[in-house]
Amino acid sequence: MREIEYCRKKICPEAENNYEVVYYITVDDILGNNEAETESYGVGIRLENGDDDKIRGITFNAEKIEAIMKILSNGTVTPIGLRDVLDDMLGVII
């Protein structure tokens, strides 16, 4: 599995206890029946304090994972809310 950083955001940059959130795409190489390789994409969110959550294998479509990452990062979703937010999103996007 590879991780590709999508973006970083500061949460509450004016507050004393601000922190950074890193949004990243997971990429798994999958070998098919005819030995052709394809990529499976997932999402991950990491806080600078070490909290991290990721969900691999969401889609084979790079454009869809980009759309999901844009929504997650624009909404400033954190690792603790990733699974609930993604569960709500998947029926609409995929």
Foldseek 3Di string as FASTA:
>chain_A
DDKAWDDKDWDPVVDPPIWMKTKIKDWDWDQDPVRDIAIFIWIKMAIPVGDIDIDTRLGRDPVLVNVVSVVCVVVVPHRVCVVVVVVVCSVPRD
